[in-house]
Amino acid sequence: MKLMRWLGWCVMLNMAGLQTVHADFLSDQNGIVNNQVEDAPDWEESQTKLPAAPKDENLVPFYVSGIAGNQYAIDKTTLDVGKDGVVRYVLVIKAQGGAKNVSFEGIRCETREQKIYATGRDDGSWVPVVDSHWRGISGRSLLSYHRALADEYFCPQGVIVWSKGQALQNIKAGW
C-alpha cells in the first residue's frame, strides 16, 4: 500500500516537472517564456483560386510505391506552399488502361490531413467538391499517394517544406 502511494506521488511530481520542462523549453535566452504555442489563435485556411488546367509539359512524376500500378504526377506550375501551412497542387493520375484523373488538392502537414478542392474535366474546367473537408492521411496503405506526398515530399519528418523549390527538389530526388 505504501509502495502504491509512493508511486502515485512520483507520477504527480513527474507530471508537474514535465510542465516546468515544457515552459523552460519555450524560454528564450533572456528567460522570457514564449507562449505562442499555448496562445496561438485558431488556424484559418487561406482563400484559394482554382488553377489553370494542367499541361503535360509541366507534369513532374513522383514515386508512390513499387506496387502502385498508376502513374502519378504534380503540375509544377500549380505547386504552392501557402502561408496557412497548406501545400496545394494539381494532381494527375494516369491508370494503366489510359484513364486520367485530375484534381486540385492540399496537404496540411501540421495535422497530417488532405483535402480535395476540385476535380478536373476533360475540357480543362473544374468541378468544385461540394463537401470538401480535411481528412486524415492513412499511414498504412502503400497505394496512398497522399501518404507518399506527405511523408516523402511535402512534410518530410512531419515538417512542411519551406518553398515550392524544396518540394520539387524532394519529388525529383525521390523519382
N, C-alpha and C. Protein backbone atom coordinates (compact mmCIF):
# COMPACT_ATOMS: atom_id res chain seq x y z
N MET A 1 0.82 -1.19 0.00
CA MET A 1 0.00 0.00 0.00
C MET A 1 0.87 1.25 0.00
N LYS A 2 1.93 1.23 0.84
CA LYS A 2 2.83 2.38 0.88
C LYS A 2 3.53 2.56 -0.47
N LEU A 3 3.86 1.44 -1.11
CA LEU A 3 4.51 1.50 -2.41
C LEU A 3 3.59 2.17 -3.44
N MET A 4 2.32 1.85 -3.44
CA MET A 4 1.37 2.45 -4.37
C MET A 4 1.24 3.95 -4.13
N ARG A 5 1.18 4.36 -2.87
CA ARG A 5 1.08 5.77 -2.53
C ARG A 5 2.34 6.51 -3.00
N TRP A 6 3.50 5.88 -2.77
CA TRP A 6 4.77 6.47 -3.18
C TRP A 6 4.83 6.62 -4.70
N LEU A 7 4.40 5.58 -5.43
CA LEU A 7 4.37 5.65 -6.90
C LEU A 7 3.43 6.74 -7.38
N GLY A 8 2.28 6.89 -6.72
CA GLY A 8 1.34 7.95 -7.08
C GLY A 8 1.96 9.33 -6.94
N TRP A 9 2.70 9.54 -5.83
CA TRP A 9 3.38 10.83 -5.62
C TRP A 9 4.44 11.06 -6.69
N CYS A 10 5.15 10.00 -7.05
CA CYS A 10 6.18 10.12 -8.09
C CYS A 10 5.58 10.54 -9.42
N VAL A 11 4.46 9.93 -9.78
CA VAL A 11 3.78 10.27 -11.03
C VAL A 11 3.33 11.73 -11.00
N MET A 12 2.72 12.18 -9.89
CA MET A 12 2.26 13.57 -9.79
C MET A 12 3.43 14.54 -9.90
N LEU A 13 4.54 14.26 -9.21
CA LEU A 13 5.70 15.14 -9.27
C LEU A 13 6.29 15.15 -10.67
N ASN A 14 6.31 14.00 -11.30
CA ASN A 14 6.83 13.91 -12.66
C ASN A 14 5.99 14.75 -13.61
N MET A 15 4.68 14.69 -13.49
CA MET A 15 3.79 15.48 -14.34
C MET A 15 4.03 16.97 -14.12
N ALA A 16 4.18 17.39 -12.91
CA ALA A 16 4.47 18.80 -12.61
C ALA A 16 5.81 19.19 -13.22
N GLY A 17 6.77 18.29 -13.14
CA GLY A 17 8.08 18.56 -13.72
C GLY A 17 8.02 18.69 -15.23
N LEU A 18 7.17 17.90 -15.88
CA LEU A 18 7.02 17.99 -17.33
C LEU A 18 6.49 19.34 -17.74
N GLN A 19 5.55 19.90 -16.96
CA GLN A 19 5.04 21.23 -17.28
C GLN A 19 6.15 22.25 -17.16
N THR A 20 6.99 22.13 -16.16
CA THR A 20 8.11 23.06 -15.99
C THR A 20 9.10 22.91 -17.13
N VAL A 21 9.41 21.68 -17.51
CA VAL A 21 10.32 21.45 -18.62
C VAL A 21 9.76 22.05 -19.88
N HIS A 22 8.45 21.89 -20.12
CA HIS A 22 7.81 22.45 -21.30
C HIS A 22 7.96 23.96 -21.32
N ALA A 23 7.73 24.61 -20.19
CA ALA A 23 7.86 26.07 -20.11
C ALA A 23 9.32 26.48 -20.33
N ASP A 24 10.26 25.72 -19.76
CA ASP A 24 11.67 26.03 -19.96
C ASP A 24 12.07 25.87 -21.42
N PHE A 25 11.52 24.88 -22.08
CA PHE A 25 11.82 24.64 -23.47
C PHE A 25 11.40 25.82 -24.33
N LEU A 26 10.30 26.48 -23.95
CA LEU A 26 9.80 27.62 -24.71
C LEU A 26 10.46 28.93 -24.31
N SER A 27 11.36 28.90 -23.33
CA SER A 27 12.03 30.13 -22.89
C SER A 27 13.09 30.54 -23.90
N ASP A 28 13.24 31.85 -24.09
CA ASP A 28 14.31 32.31 -24.94
C ASP A 28 15.55 32.57 -24.10
N GLN A 29 16.56 33.15 -24.69
CA GLN A 29 17.83 33.37 -23.98
C GLN A 29 17.69 34.34 -22.81
N ASN A 30 16.72 35.22 -22.83
CA ASN A 30 16.52 36.19 -21.76
C ASN A 30 15.61 35.66 -20.66
N GLY A 31 15.21 34.39 -20.75
CA GLY A 31 14.37 33.82 -19.73
C GLY A 31 12.90 34.16 -19.89
N ILE A 32 12.51 34.75 -21.03
CA ILE A 32 11.12 35.10 -21.26
C ILE A 32 10.43 33.91 -21.91
N VAL A 33 9.31 33.50 -21.35
CA VAL A 33 8.60 32.35 -21.88
C VAL A 33 7.79 32.78 -23.09
N ASN A 34 7.94 32.03 -24.17
CA ASN A 34 7.20 32.29 -25.39
C ASN A 34 5.91 31.47 -25.33
N ASN A 35 4.79 32.14 -25.16
CA ASN A 35 3.51 31.45 -25.06
C ASN A 35 2.80 31.32 -26.40
N GLN A 36 3.53 31.44 -27.47
CA GLN A 36 2.93 31.40 -28.79
C GLN A 36 2.15 30.10 -29.01
N VAL A 37 2.69 28.98 -28.55
CA VAL A 37 2.03 27.70 -28.76
C VAL A 37 0.70 27.66 -28.01
N GLU A 38 0.72 28.05 -26.75
CA GLU A 38 -0.48 27.98 -25.94
C GLU A 38 -1.52 29.03 -26.34
N ASP A 39 -1.06 30.21 -26.76
CA ASP A 39 -1.97 31.31 -27.05
C ASP A 39 -2.26 31.48 -28.54
N ALA A 40 -1.82 30.54 -29.37
CA ALA A 40 -2.00 30.68 -30.82
C ALA A 40 -3.48 30.73 -31.17
N PRO A 41 -3.86 31.66 -32.05
CA PRO A 41 -5.26 31.71 -32.46
C PRO A 41 -5.63 30.47 -33.27
N ASP A 42 -6.91 30.21 -33.39
CA ASP A 42 -7.36 29.08 -34.20
C ASP A 42 -6.85 29.24 -35.62
N TRP A 43 -6.49 28.13 -36.22
CA TRP A 43 -5.96 28.12 -37.58
C TRP A 43 -7.07 28.52 -38.55
N GLU A 44 -6.71 29.28 -39.55
CA GLU A 44 -7.67 29.67 -40.58
C GLU A 44 -7.06 29.40 -41.94
N GLU A 45 -7.81 28.71 -42.78
CA GLU A 45 -7.34 28.37 -44.11
C GLU A 45 -7.44 29.57 -45.04
N SER A 46 -6.42 29.78 -45.84
CA SER A 46 -6.41 30.88 -46.81
C SER A 46 -7.37 30.59 -47.95
N GLN A 47 -7.89 31.66 -48.51
CA GLN A 47 -8.72 31.54 -49.72
C GLN A 47 -7.81 31.12 -50.87
N THR A 48 -8.33 30.32 -51.77
CA THR A 48 -7.53 29.89 -52.91
C THR A 48 -8.38 29.87 -54.17
N LYS A 49 -7.74 30.15 -55.29
CA LYS A 49 -8.42 30.14 -56.58
C LYS A 49 -8.10 28.83 -57.29
N LEU A 50 -9.02 28.42 -58.13
CA LEU A 50 -8.77 27.23 -58.93
C LEU A 50 -7.71 27.56 -59.98
N PRO A 51 -6.71 26.71 -60.14
CA PRO A 51 -5.64 26.97 -61.10
C PRO A 51 -6.07 26.64 -62.53
N ALA A 52 -5.19 26.94 -63.46
CA ALA A 52 -5.40 26.55 -64.85
C ALA A 52 -5.29 25.03 -64.95
N ALA A 53 -5.87 24.49 -65.99
CA ALA A 53 -5.78 23.04 -66.22
C ALA A 53 -4.31 22.65 -66.44
N PRO A 54 -3.93 21.46 -66.00
CA PRO A 54 -2.53 21.04 -66.14
C PRO A 54 -2.15 20.79 -67.60
N LYS A 55 -0.90 21.05 -67.91
CA LYS A 55 -0.35 20.76 -69.24
C LYS A 55 0.71 19.68 -69.08
N ASP A 56 0.79 18.79 -70.04
CA ASP A 56 1.71 17.66 -69.96
C ASP A 56 3.16 18.09 -69.73
N GLU A 57 3.58 19.19 -70.34
CA GLU A 57 4.97 19.63 -70.21
C GLU A 57 5.30 20.14 -68.79
N ASN A 58 4.28 20.38 -67.97
CA ASN A 58 4.50 20.86 -66.60
C ASN A 58 4.40 19.76 -65.55
N LEU A 59 4.13 18.53 -65.99
CA LEU A 59 3.94 17.44 -65.04
C LEU A 59 5.26 16.86 -64.57
N VAL A 60 5.36 16.71 -63.24
CA VAL A 60 6.54 16.13 -62.62
C VAL A 60 6.09 14.84 -61.95
N PRO A 61 6.55 13.68 -62.46
CA PRO A 61 6.12 12.40 -61.87
C PRO A 61 6.72 12.20 -60.48
N PHE A 62 5.99 11.46 -59.64
CA PHE A 62 6.51 11.12 -58.33
C PHE A 62 6.22 9.66 -58.02
N TYR A 63 7.07 9.10 -57.17
CA TYR A 63 7.01 7.69 -56.80
C TYR A 63 6.08 7.49 -55.61
N VAL A 64 5.17 6.53 -55.72
CA VAL A 64 4.27 6.19 -54.61
C VAL A 64 4.75 4.90 -53.94
N SER A 65 4.84 3.82 -54.70
CA SER A 65 5.36 2.56 -54.17
C SER A 65 5.58 1.59 -55.33
N GLY A 66 6.28 0.51 -55.04
CA GLY A 66 6.56 -0.49 -56.05
C GLY A 66 5.33 -1.25 -56.52
N ILE A 67 4.26 -1.23 -55.72
CA ILE A 67 3.05 -1.97 -56.11
C ILE A 67 1.99 -1.07 -56.74
N ALA A 68 2.26 0.22 -56.82
CA ALA A 68 1.29 1.15 -57.41
C ALA A 68 1.36 1.03 -58.93
N GLY A 69 0.26 0.66 -59.55
CA GLY A 69 0.23 0.48 -61.00
C GLY A 69 -0.03 1.75 -61.78
N ASN A 70 -0.54 2.77 -61.13
CA ASN A 70 -0.84 4.03 -61.80
C ASN A 70 0.41 4.90 -61.88
N GLN A 71 0.34 5.91 -62.75
CA GLN A 71 1.39 6.91 -62.83
C GLN A 71 0.87 8.18 -62.16
N TYR A 72 1.68 8.77 -61.29
CA TYR A 72 1.28 9.94 -60.52
C TYR A 72 2.18 11.11 -60.88
N ALA A 73 1.59 12.30 -61.01
CA ALA A 73 2.38 13.49 -61.32
C ALA A 73 1.72 14.72 -60.72
N ILE A 74 2.55 15.71 -60.44
CA ILE A 74 2.13 17.01 -59.94
C ILE A 74 2.40 18.03 -61.04
N ASP A 75 1.47 18.97 -61.24
CA ASP A 75 1.72 20.08 -62.15
C ASP A 75 2.56 21.10 -61.39
N LYS A 76 3.83 21.24 -61.79
CA LYS A 76 4.76 22.10 -61.05
C LYS A 76 4.36 23.56 -61.04
N THR A 77 3.58 24.00 -62.02
CA THR A 77 3.17 25.41 -62.04
C THR A 77 2.09 25.71 -61.01
N THR A 78 1.44 24.70 -60.49
CA THR A 78 0.37 24.90 -59.51
C THR A 78 0.83 24.66 -58.08
N LEU A 79 2.01 24.11 -57.91
CA LEU A 79 2.52 23.79 -56.58
C LEU A 79 2.72 25.07 -55.79
N ASP A 80 2.16 25.12 -54.56
CA ASP A 80 2.24 26.32 -53.73
C ASP A 80 2.34 25.92 -52.27
N VAL A 81 3.27 26.53 -51.56
CA VAL A 81 3.39 26.35 -50.11
C VAL A 81 2.76 27.60 -49.49
N GLY A 82 1.53 27.44 -49.00
CA GLY A 82 0.77 28.58 -48.51
C GLY A 82 1.22 29.07 -47.15
N LYS A 83 0.93 30.34 -46.87
CA LYS A 83 1.23 30.93 -45.57
C LYS A 83 0.41 30.27 -44.47
N ASP A 84 -0.67 29.61 -44.84
CA ASP A 84 -1.52 28.92 -43.87
C ASP A 84 -1.01 27.51 -43.55
N GLY A 85 0.14 27.13 -44.11
CA GLY A 85 0.72 25.82 -43.83
C GLY A 85 0.15 24.70 -44.68
N VAL A 86 -0.46 25.05 -45.80
CA VAL A 86 -1.03 24.04 -46.70
C VAL A 86 -0.23 24.03 -48.00
N VAL A 87 0.18 22.84 -48.43
CA VAL A 87 0.82 22.68 -49.72
C VAL A 87 -0.30 22.31 -50.71
N ARG A 88 -0.50 23.17 -51.72
CA ARG A 88 -1.56 22.94 -52.71
C ARG A 88 -0.92 22.59 -54.05
N TYR A 89 -1.63 21.77 -54.82
CA TYR A 89 -1.08 21.25 -56.08
C TYR A 89 -2.21 20.68 -56.94
N VAL A 90 -1.93 20.57 -58.23
CA VAL A 90 -2.80 19.82 -59.13
C VAL A 90 -2.16 18.46 -59.33
N LEU A 91 -2.96 17.43 -59.13
CA LEU A 91 -2.51 16.05 -59.25
C LEU A 91 -3.10 15.43 -60.52
N VAL A 92 -2.27 14.68 -61.23
CA VAL A 92 -2.74 13.93 -62.40
C VAL A 92 -2.38 12.47 -62.17
N ILE A 93 -3.39 11.61 -62.23
CA ILE A 93 -3.19 10.17 -62.10
C ILE A 93 -3.59 9.53 -63.42
N LYS A 94 -2.66 8.77 -64.00
CA LYS A 94 -2.94 8.05 -65.24
C LYS A 94 -2.95 6.56 -64.93
N ALA A 95 -4.09 5.93 -65.21
CA ALA A 95 -4.23 4.49 -64.97
C ALA A 95 -3.62 3.71 -66.13
N GLN A 96 -3.31 2.44 -65.88
CA GLN A 96 -2.72 1.59 -66.90
C GLN A 96 -3.62 1.47 -68.12
N GLY A 97 -4.92 1.52 -67.93
CA GLY A 97 -5.87 1.39 -69.03
C GLY A 97 -6.06 2.67 -69.83
N GLY A 98 -5.42 3.76 -69.42
CA GLY A 98 -5.50 5.01 -70.17
C GLY A 98 -6.36 6.10 -69.53
N ALA A 99 -7.15 5.74 -68.52
CA ALA A 99 -7.99 6.75 -67.86
C ALA A 99 -7.10 7.76 -67.13
N LYS A 100 -7.60 9.00 -67.05
CA LYS A 100 -6.84 10.06 -66.39
C LYS A 100 -7.74 10.78 -65.41
N ASN A 101 -7.26 10.93 -64.17
CA ASN A 101 -7.96 11.69 -63.14
C ASN A 101 -7.13 12.92 -62.80
N VAL A 102 -7.82 14.06 -62.70
CA VAL A 102 -7.16 15.31 -62.36
C VAL A 102 -7.88 15.90 -61.16
N SER A 103 -7.11 16.38 -60.19
CA SER A 103 -7.73 17.01 -59.02
C SER A 103 -6.83 18.13 -58.50
N PHE A 104 -7.47 19.10 -57.86
CA PHE A 104 -6.77 20.19 -57.18
C PHE A 104 -6.90 19.90 -55.70
N GLU A 105 -5.74 19.75 -55.01
CA GLU A 105 -5.73 19.24 -53.64
C GLU A 105 -4.81 20.06 -52.75
N GLY A 106 -4.87 19.75 -51.46
CA GLY A 106 -3.97 20.36 -50.49
C GLY A 106 -3.62 19.36 -49.41
N ILE A 107 -2.42 19.52 -48.84
CA ILE A 107 -1.98 18.72 -47.71
C ILE A 107 -1.55 19.67 -46.61
N ARG A 108 -2.09 19.44 -45.42
CA ARG A 108 -1.73 20.24 -44.24
C ARG A 108 -0.81 19.38 -43.37
N CYS A 109 0.46 19.72 -43.36
CA CYS A 109 1.47 18.92 -42.67
C CYS A 109 1.26 18.90 -41.17
N GLU A 110 0.90 20.03 -40.58
CA GLU A 110 0.79 20.13 -39.12
C GLU A 110 -0.17 19.09 -38.55
N THR A 111 -1.26 18.82 -39.27
CA THR A 111 -2.27 17.89 -38.78
C THR A 111 -2.30 16.58 -39.57
N ARG A 112 -1.43 16.46 -40.57
CA ARG A 112 -1.37 15.27 -41.44
C ARG A 112 -2.74 14.99 -42.04
N GLU A 113 -3.26 15.99 -42.76
CA GLU A 113 -4.56 15.88 -43.39
C GLU A 113 -4.46 16.29 -44.87
N GLN A 114 -5.44 15.84 -45.63
CA GLN A 114 -5.53 16.17 -47.05
C GLN A 114 -6.93 16.64 -47.37
N LYS A 115 -7.03 17.43 -48.44
CA LYS A 115 -8.32 17.96 -48.86
C LYS A 115 -8.34 18.04 -50.38
N ILE A 116 -9.45 17.65 -50.98
CA ILE A 116 -9.63 17.78 -52.42
C ILE A 116 -10.57 18.95 -52.65
N TYR A 117 -10.08 19.97 -53.35
CA TYR A 117 -10.86 21.19 -53.60
C TYR A 117 -11.75 21.05 -54.84
N ALA A 118 -11.22 20.41 -55.88
CA ALA A 118 -11.96 20.30 -57.13
C ALA A 118 -11.42 19.14 -57.96
N THR A 119 -12.26 18.66 -58.87
CA THR A 119 -11.83 17.63 -59.82
C THR A 119 -11.88 18.22 -61.22
N GLY A 120 -10.98 17.74 -62.07
CA GLY A 120 -10.87 18.29 -63.42
C GLY A 120 -11.69 17.53 -64.43
N ARG A 121 -12.18 18.27 -65.41
CA ARG A 121 -12.90 17.68 -66.55
C ARG A 121 -11.98 17.60 -67.75
N ASP A 122 -12.40 16.81 -68.76
CA ASP A 122 -11.61 16.65 -69.97
C ASP A 122 -11.43 17.97 -70.73
N ASP A 123 -12.39 18.88 -70.60
CA ASP A 123 -12.30 20.16 -71.31
C ASP A 123 -11.43 21.19 -70.59
N GLY A 124 -10.82 20.80 -69.46
CA GLY A 124 -9.94 21.70 -68.73
C GLY A 124 -10.63 22.52 -67.65
N SER A 125 -11.93 22.36 -67.50
CA SER A 125 -12.65 23.10 -66.46
C SER A 125 -12.61 22.30 -65.15
N TRP A 126 -13.03 22.96 -64.08
CA TRP A 126 -13.03 22.35 -62.75
C TRP A 126 -14.43 22.20 -62.22
N VAL A 127 -14.64 21.15 -61.43
CA VAL A 127 -15.88 20.95 -60.69
C VAL A 127 -15.51 21.00 -59.21
N PRO A 128 -15.88 22.09 -58.51
CA PRO A 128 -15.56 22.16 -57.08
C PRO A 128 -16.22 21.02 -56.31
N VAL A 129 -15.52 20.48 -55.35
CA VAL A 129 -16.06 19.43 -54.49
C VAL A 129 -17.03 20.09 -53.52
N VAL A 130 -18.27 19.63 -53.50
CA VAL A 130 -19.31 20.26 -52.70
C VAL A 130 -19.02 20.16 -51.21
N ASP A 131 -18.71 18.97 -50.73
CA ASP A 131 -18.49 18.76 -49.30
C ASP A 131 -17.00 18.55 -49.03
N SER A 132 -16.20 19.51 -49.44
CA SER A 132 -14.76 19.41 -49.30
C SER A 132 -14.36 19.73 -47.86
N HIS A 133 -13.71 18.76 -47.21
CA HIS A 133 -13.23 19.00 -45.85
C HIS A 133 -11.94 18.21 -45.63
N TRP A 134 -11.23 18.57 -44.57
CA TRP A 134 -9.95 17.93 -44.26
C TRP A 134 -10.17 16.52 -43.73
N ARG A 135 -9.34 15.60 -44.24
CA ARG A 135 -9.40 14.20 -43.83
C ARG A 135 -8.00 13.71 -43.48
N GLY A 136 -7.92 12.86 -42.48
CA GLY A 136 -6.64 12.32 -42.07
C GLY A 136 -6.01 11.47 -43.16
N ILE A 137 -4.69 11.47 -43.20
CA ILE A 137 -3.94 10.67 -44.17
C ILE A 137 -3.53 9.38 -43.50
N SER A 138 -3.93 8.27 -44.07
CA SER A 138 -3.58 6.96 -43.52
C SER A 138 -2.11 6.67 -43.79
N GLY A 139 -1.46 6.11 -42.81
CA GLY A 139 -0.05 5.76 -42.96
C GLY A 139 0.17 4.32 -43.33
N ARG A 140 -0.90 3.59 -43.55
CA ARG A 140 -0.78 2.14 -43.76
C ARG A 140 -0.66 1.73 -45.22
N SER A 141 -1.44 2.33 -46.09
CA SER A 141 -1.53 1.85 -47.46
C SER A 141 -0.32 2.25 -48.30
N LEU A 142 0.27 1.27 -48.94
CA LEU A 142 1.37 1.55 -49.87
C LEU A 142 0.86 2.13 -51.18
N LEU A 143 -0.46 2.14 -51.37
CA LEU A 143 -1.03 2.71 -52.58
C LEU A 143 -1.52 4.15 -52.37
N SER A 144 -1.35 4.68 -51.18
CA SER A 144 -1.83 6.03 -50.88
C SER A 144 -0.87 7.08 -51.39
N TYR A 145 -1.27 7.80 -52.42
CA TYR A 145 -0.42 8.88 -52.92
C TYR A 145 -0.39 10.04 -51.93
N HIS A 146 -1.44 10.21 -51.13
CA HIS A 146 -1.41 11.25 -50.10
C HIS A 146 -0.32 10.95 -49.07
N ARG A 147 -0.19 9.68 -48.68
CA ARG A 147 0.85 9.29 -47.74
C ARG A 147 2.22 9.58 -48.33
N ALA A 148 2.42 9.21 -49.59
CA ALA A 148 3.72 9.44 -50.24
C ALA A 148 4.02 10.94 -50.33
N LEU A 149 3.03 11.73 -50.76
CA LEU A 149 3.26 13.17 -50.87
C LEU A 149 3.59 13.79 -49.51
N ALA A 150 2.85 13.41 -48.48
CA ALA A 150 3.08 13.98 -47.16
C ALA A 150 4.43 13.52 -46.60
N ASP A 151 4.65 12.21 -46.53
CA ASP A 151 5.83 11.67 -45.85
C ASP A 151 7.14 11.89 -46.59
N GLU A 152 7.10 11.82 -47.90
CA GLU A 152 8.34 11.86 -48.68
C GLU A 152 8.66 13.22 -49.29
N TYR A 153 7.63 13.98 -49.66
CA TYR A 153 7.89 15.16 -50.49
C TYR A 153 7.52 16.50 -49.85
N PHE A 154 6.36 16.60 -49.22
CA PHE A 154 5.88 17.89 -48.72
C PHE A 154 6.09 18.08 -47.22
N CYS A 155 6.09 17.01 -46.45
CA CYS A 155 6.20 17.10 -44.98
C CYS A 155 7.22 16.10 -44.46
N PRO A 156 8.44 16.08 -45.00
CA PRO A 156 9.38 15.08 -44.52
C PRO A 156 9.62 15.25 -43.02
N GLN A 157 9.57 14.14 -42.31
CA GLN A 157 9.71 14.11 -40.85
C GLN A 157 8.67 15.00 -40.16
N GLY A 158 7.50 15.17 -40.81
CA GLY A 158 6.39 15.91 -40.22
C GLY A 158 6.50 17.41 -40.30
N VAL A 159 7.52 17.93 -41.00
CA VAL A 159 7.73 19.37 -41.09
C VAL A 159 7.51 19.82 -42.53
N ILE A 160 6.70 20.86 -42.70
CA ILE A 160 6.39 21.37 -44.04
C ILE A 160 7.65 21.89 -44.74
N VAL A 161 7.74 21.66 -46.04
CA VAL A 161 8.84 22.21 -46.83
C VAL A 161 8.76 23.73 -46.79
N TRP A 162 9.89 24.41 -46.96
CA TRP A 162 9.90 25.86 -46.82
C TRP A 162 9.59 26.59 -48.12
N SER A 163 9.59 25.84 -49.25
CA SER A 163 9.34 26.51 -50.53
C SER A 163 8.87 25.52 -51.59
N LYS A 164 8.34 26.07 -52.66
CA LYS A 164 7.94 25.28 -53.81
C LYS A 164 9.18 24.56 -54.38
N GLY A 165 10.30 25.27 -54.43
CA GLY A 165 11.54 24.69 -54.95
C GLY A 165 11.99 23.48 -54.15
N GLN A 166 11.86 23.55 -52.82
CA GLN A 166 12.24 22.42 -51.98
C GLN A 166 11.32 21.23 -52.23
N ALA A 167 10.02 21.48 -52.38
CA ALA A 167 9.07 20.41 -52.66
C ALA A 167 9.41 19.74 -53.99
N LEU A 168 9.70 20.53 -55.01
CA LEU A 168 10.05 19.97 -56.32
C LEU A 168 11.36 19.20 -56.26
N GLN A 169 12.32 19.71 -55.51
CA GLN A 169 13.59 19.01 -55.34
C GLN A 169 13.36 17.65 -54.68
N ASN A 170 12.50 17.60 -53.66
CA ASN A 170 12.19 16.34 -52.99
C ASN A 170 11.54 15.35 -53.95
N ILE A 171 10.61 15.84 -54.77
CA ILE A 171 9.94 14.97 -55.74
C ILE A 171 10.94 14.42 -56.75
N LYS A 172 11.78 15.28 -57.30
CA LYS A 172 12.75 14.85 -58.31
C LYS A 172 13.78 13.88 -57.70
N ALA A 173 14.16 14.09 -56.46
CA ALA A 173 15.13 13.21 -55.80
C ALA A 173 14.51 11.83 -55.52
N GLY A 174 13.21 11.79 -55.27
CA GLY A 174 12.54 10.54 -54.97
C GLY A 174 12.17 9.74 -56.19
N TRP A 175 12.17 10.36 -57.33
CA TRP A 175 11.78 9.69 -58.57
C TRP A 175 12.97 8.99 -59.13
